[in-house]
Protein backbone atom coordinates (compact mmCIF):
# COMPACT_ATOMS: atom_id res chain seq x y z
CA UNK A 1 128.00 117.40 77.73
CA UNK A 2 129.72 115.24 74.83
CA UNK A 3 128.48 113.53 72.31
CA UNK A 4 129.49 110.36 70.20
CA UNK A 5 128.55 109.03 67.61
CA UNK A 6 129.05 106.65 64.97
CA UNK A 7 128.01 106.18 61.98
CA UNK A 8 124.34 105.30 61.60
CA UNK A 9 124.40 104.36 64.90
CA UNK A 10 120.96 102.44 65.87
CA UNK A 11 121.52 103.23 70.12
CA UNK A 12 121.50 106.12 72.88
CA UNK A 13 123.08 105.90 75.77
CA UNK A 14 123.34 108.58 78.09
CA UNK A 15 126.35 108.40 80.47
CA UNK A 16 126.64 110.56 83.36
CA UNK A 17 130.39 110.60 85.83
CA UNK A 18 131.45 113.85 87.41
CA UNK A 19 135.34 112.10 86.03
CA UNK A 20 134.96 113.09 81.63
CA UNK A 21 137.80 110.46 81.10
CA UNK A 22 135.37 107.42 82.01
CA UNK A 23 133.03 109.65 80.32
CA UNK A 24 135.66 109.16 77.11
CA UNK A 25 136.16 105.78 78.00
CA UNK A 26 133.23 104.47 77.98
CA UNK A 27 132.54 105.91 74.21
CA UNK A 28 134.97 104.94 72.40
CA UNK A 29 134.04 101.01 73.25
CA UNK A 30 130.16 101.98 72.55
CA UNK A 31 131.67 103.34 68.85
CA UNK A 32 132.89 99.84 68.15
CA UNK A 33 129.44 98.36 68.42
CA UNK A 34 127.96 100.71 66.86
CA UNK A 35 126.72 102.73 69.61
CA UNK A 36 126.16 106.76 70.06
CA UNK A 37 126.60 108.15 73.55
CA UNK A 38 125.66 110.98 75.72
CA UNK A 39 128.01 112.54 78.92
CA UNK A 40 126.79 113.88 81.46
CA UNK A 41 129.05 115.21 84.35
CA UNK A 42 126.01 115.87 86.90
CA UNK A 43 122.85 114.49 87.70
CA UNK A 44 121.00 117.80 86.21
CA UNK A 45 122.00 117.39 83.02
CA UNK A 46 121.46 114.37 82.52
CA UNK A 47 117.91 114.98 83.43
CA UNK A 48 117.03 117.83 81.26
CA UNK A 49 118.05 115.52 78.38
CA UNK A 50 116.05 113.19 79.51
CA UNK A 51 112.80 115.81 79.48
CA UNK A 52 114.10 116.43 75.44
CA UNK A 53 114.42 112.27 74.12
CA UNK A 54 114.63 108.71 75.33
CA UNK A 55 117.71 106.52 75.51
CA UNK A 56 117.91 103.30 74.89
CA UNK A 57 119.91 102.90 78.05
CA UNK A 58 121.74 105.73 81.37
CA UNK A 59 124.86 104.01 82.69
CA UNK A 60 124.42 106.08 86.32
CA UNK A 61 128.28 107.06 88.69
CA UNK A 62 126.94 106.65 92.99
CA UNK A 63 129.06 109.59 93.97
CA UNK A 64 128.11 113.11 91.70
CA UNK A 65 128.09 116.42 93.24
CA UNK A 66 125.16 117.68 93.36
CA UNK A 67 122.90 114.66 93.54
CA UNK A 68 122.94 110.68 95.30
CA UNK A 69 123.32 108.28 92.78
CA UNK A 70 120.78 106.34 93.82
CA UNK A 71 117.96 109.21 94.13
CA UNK A 72 119.05 110.28 89.99
CA UNK A 73 117.44 105.90 89.51
CA UNK A 74 114.95 106.24 91.39
CA UNK A 75 113.54 109.88 89.56
CA UNK A 76 114.94 107.71 86.27
CA UNK A 77 112.29 105.13 86.78
CA UNK A 78 109.90 107.05 88.05
CA UNK A 79 110.08 108.47 84.50
CA UNK A 80 110.76 105.27 82.64
CA UNK A 81 112.24 101.59 82.23
CA UNK A 82 115.18 102.67 80.39
CA UNK A 83 117.75 99.51 80.84
CA UNK A 84 120.32 101.15 84.02
CA UNK A 85 123.65 100.93 85.02
CA UNK A 86 125.68 101.39 87.92
CA UNK A 87 129.28 102.35 88.58
CA UNK A 88 130.41 102.91 91.58
CA UNK A 89 133.84 102.05 93.58
CA UNK A 90 131.01 100.91 96.42
CA UNK A 91 131.70 97.07 95.82
CA UNK A 92 129.80 95.93 98.69
CA UNK A 93 126.08 93.29 98.13
CA UNK A 94 124.49 95.80 99.99
CA UNK A 95 125.29 98.84 97.46
CA UNK A 96 124.25 96.06 95.04
CA UNK A 97 121.02 95.65 96.72
CA UNK A 98 119.62 98.51 96.97
CA UNK A 99 120.95 100.10 93.32
CA UNK A 100 119.27 96.19 92.52
CA UNK A 101 115.69 97.84 94.70
CA UNK A 102 115.64 100.90 93.35
CA UNK A 103 115.10 99.83 89.85
CA UNK A 104 118.43 99.67 88.28
CA UNK A 105 120.01 96.54 86.03
CA UNK A 106 122.90 96.20 86.30
CA UNK A 107 126.28 97.13 89.02
CA UNK A 108 129.65 97.95 87.54
CA UNK A 109 132.25 97.87 90.13
CA UNK A 110 134.99 100.22 89.99
CA UNK A 111 137.31 100.07 87.92
CA UNK A 112 136.29 98.06 85.39
CA UNK A 113 137.19 97.20 81.33
CA UNK A 114 134.22 98.96 79.41
CA UNK A 115 134.65 96.77 77.15
CA UNK A 116 132.38 94.17 79.58
CA UNK A 117 130.20 97.28 80.48
CA UNK A 118 129.75 97.56 76.98
CA UNK A 119 128.79 93.73 77.10
CA UNK A 120 126.06 94.57 79.22
CA UNK A 121 123.78 96.95 77.89
CA UNK A 122 124.21 94.95 74.73
CA UNK A 123 122.86 92.04 76.35
CA UNK A 124 120.20 93.92 79.01
CA UNK A 125 119.54 95.29 75.43
CA UNK A 126 119.07 91.61 74.11
CA UNK A 127 117.01 91.14 76.48
CA UNK A 128 113.80 93.05 75.85
CA UNK A 129 114.87 92.32 72.52
CA UNK A 130 113.27 88.68 73.26
CA UNK A 131 110.00 90.02 74.39
CA UNK A 132 109.38 91.74 71.33
CA UNK A 133 107.27 88.19 69.23
CA UNK A 134 105.41 87.76 72.60
CA UNK A 135 104.64 91.18 72.92
CA UNK A 136 103.68 92.01 69.01
CA UNK A 137 101.21 88.45 70.15
CA UNK A 138 99.89 89.56 73.96
CA UNK A 139 100.02 92.87 74.54
CA UNK A 140 98.66 93.70 77.47
CA UNK A 141 97.81 90.75 80.62
CA UNK A 142 95.28 91.87 83.31
CA UNK A 143 94.86 89.81 86.66
CA UNK A 144 93.13 91.33 90.26
CA UNK A 145 91.91 94.86 88.24
CA UNK A 146 95.74 94.86 87.17
CA UNK A 147 97.42 95.23 84.49
CA UNK A 148 100.56 95.30 82.68
CA UNK A 149 101.78 96.08 79.35
CA UNK A 150 104.69 94.60 78.37
CA UNK A 151 105.59 96.79 75.30
CA UNK A 152 106.11 99.93 77.71
CA UNK A 153 107.11 97.83 80.73
CA UNK A 154 104.22 100.26 82.08
CA UNK A 155 102.54 97.88 85.34
CA UNK A 156 98.30 99.66 86.98
CA UNK A 157 97.04 99.76 89.29
CA UNK A 158 93.67 99.35 90.15
CA UNK A 159 93.23 103.14 90.70
CA UNK A 160 94.96 103.63 87.70
CA UNK A 161 98.19 104.71 88.61
CA UNK A 162 100.90 104.17 86.34
CA UNK A 163 104.63 102.57 87.07
CA UNK A 164 107.48 101.92 85.08
CA UNK A 165 108.70 98.62 85.60
CA UNK A 166 113.21 97.81 84.99
CA UNK A 167 113.92 95.69 82.23
CA UNK A 168 115.22 93.21 84.80
CA UNK A 169 111.64 93.58 86.89
CA UNK A 170 109.68 93.47 83.74
CA UNK A 171 111.97 90.34 82.19
CA UNK A 172 110.91 88.78 85.61
CA UNK A 173 107.36 90.06 86.07
CA UNK A 174 106.25 88.35 82.72
CA UNK A 175 107.91 85.09 83.24
CA UNK A 176 105.58 84.66 86.41
CA UNK A 177 102.20 86.04 84.10
CA UNK A 178 102.45 83.60 81.02
CA UNK A 179 102.87 80.67 84.27
CA UNK A 180 100.09 82.08 86.61
CA UNK A 181 100.00 79.29 89.25
CA UNK A 182 102.85 77.24 89.24
CA UNK A 183 106.01 77.32 90.85
CA UNK A 184 108.50 77.98 88.92
CA UNK A 185 112.51 77.63 90.50
CA UNK A 186 113.99 79.61 91.32
CA UNK A 187 117.43 78.96 88.35
CA UNK A 188 113.77 79.15 86.08
CA UNK A 189 113.92 82.42 87.12
CA UNK A 190 117.55 83.22 86.37
CA UNK A 191 117.56 81.97 82.75
CA UNK A 192 114.78 83.64 81.89
CA UNK A 193 113.95 86.72 84.09
CA UNK A 194 117.95 87.88 83.74
CA UNK A 195 120.46 86.42 85.85
CA UNK A 196 122.97 89.68 87.17
CA UNK A 197 126.65 87.82 87.40
CA UNK A 198 127.88 90.13 89.63
CA UNK A 199 124.90 89.14 92.13
CA UNK A 200 123.55 86.12 92.87
CA UNK A 201 119.67 87.57 94.41
CA UNK A 202 119.33 88.82 92.29
CA UNK A 203 116.16 87.36 92.05
CA UNK A 204 115.09 87.16 95.25
CA UNK A 205 115.51 91.25 95.37
CA UNK A 206 113.44 92.05 92.53
CA UNK A 207 110.56 89.50 93.78
CA UNK A 208 110.32 91.27 96.69
CA UNK A 209 110.98 94.80 94.95
CA UNK A 210 108.10 93.65 92.55
CA UNK A 211 105.76 92.26 95.35
CA UNK A 212 106.16 95.77 96.84
CA UNK A 213 104.65 97.75 94.01
CA UNK A 214 101.46 94.71 93.27
CA UNK A 215 100.93 93.77 97.03
CA UNK A 216 97.43 96.67 98.44
CA UNK A 217 97.28 97.20 101.78
CA UNK A 218 94.81 94.91 103.22
CA UNK A 219 95.07 91.91 100.24
CA UNK A 220 97.14 89.59 100.32
CA UNK A 221 100.81 88.61 98.16
CA UNK A 222 100.01 88.04 94.50
CA UNK A 223 103.25 86.52 94.88
CA UNK A 224 104.11 84.05 96.68
CA UNK A 225 106.94 81.96 97.57
CA UNK A 226 106.81 78.08 97.98
CA UNK A 227 109.62 77.17 100.13
CA UNK A 228 112.21 75.17 98.90
CA UNK A 229 111.12 75.64 95.58
CA UNK A 230 110.47 78.38 94.04
CA UNK A 231 108.15 81.36 93.76
CA UNK A 232 104.31 81.57 92.33
CA UNK A 233 102.22 84.17 90.51
CA UNK A 234 99.19 82.78 92.92
CA UNK A 235 96.48 84.54 91.13
CA UNK A 236 94.43 83.79 87.31
CA UNK A 237 96.03 85.57 83.95
CA UNK A 238 94.25 86.71 80.89
CA UNK A 239 96.28 88.30 77.91
CA UNK A 240 94.83 90.52 76.01
CA UNK A 241 96.19 91.80 72.22
């Protein structure tokens, strides 16, 4: 494992890639923006580190020697809502969609400019920070027996099962929760729910993922498609501090 920090660095990023030079390039770029980083060459190393501390973001290469990258994303998301950026030589849209469906927040195809990856990290963290003022006023949403806490991105089912959402999923869900029973256009959700420039279908993918998490057997979907218009959160929502 390699570790490098900038003076007074206030953001920690975990990077897992079996090519050391890629990790070094990203570390050098992050240092210019007061970020620190830890580089791992295997999934097992990163998962061990995640048990000890929570980074501000994770960068995951799909071609790892000990675990399929998609499986690692799924495991990280099971443990935490930390933002995840995928690095991959696989540029096909199917791979990008799968990454988003598993909970990744962004997808970068190799070869890449390290500065672009850092810019994407900063954009994701900025979106999360922009939610903070609303969270201080209203930090718990309730609907149909469910609860959602924006500060932790934690969604709790009526049975008490907790699920952590990705940053993109969390931003999208909050946009829907703050406008229940109103039709929100796809363009509005792209603007307020986190735009993924690398994949125009990102909103559709995240809506689909949220539906799977929110739909219980035998019950109607709470996120409805209004064909030709957009999406609507179809039930009432109450917010409590």
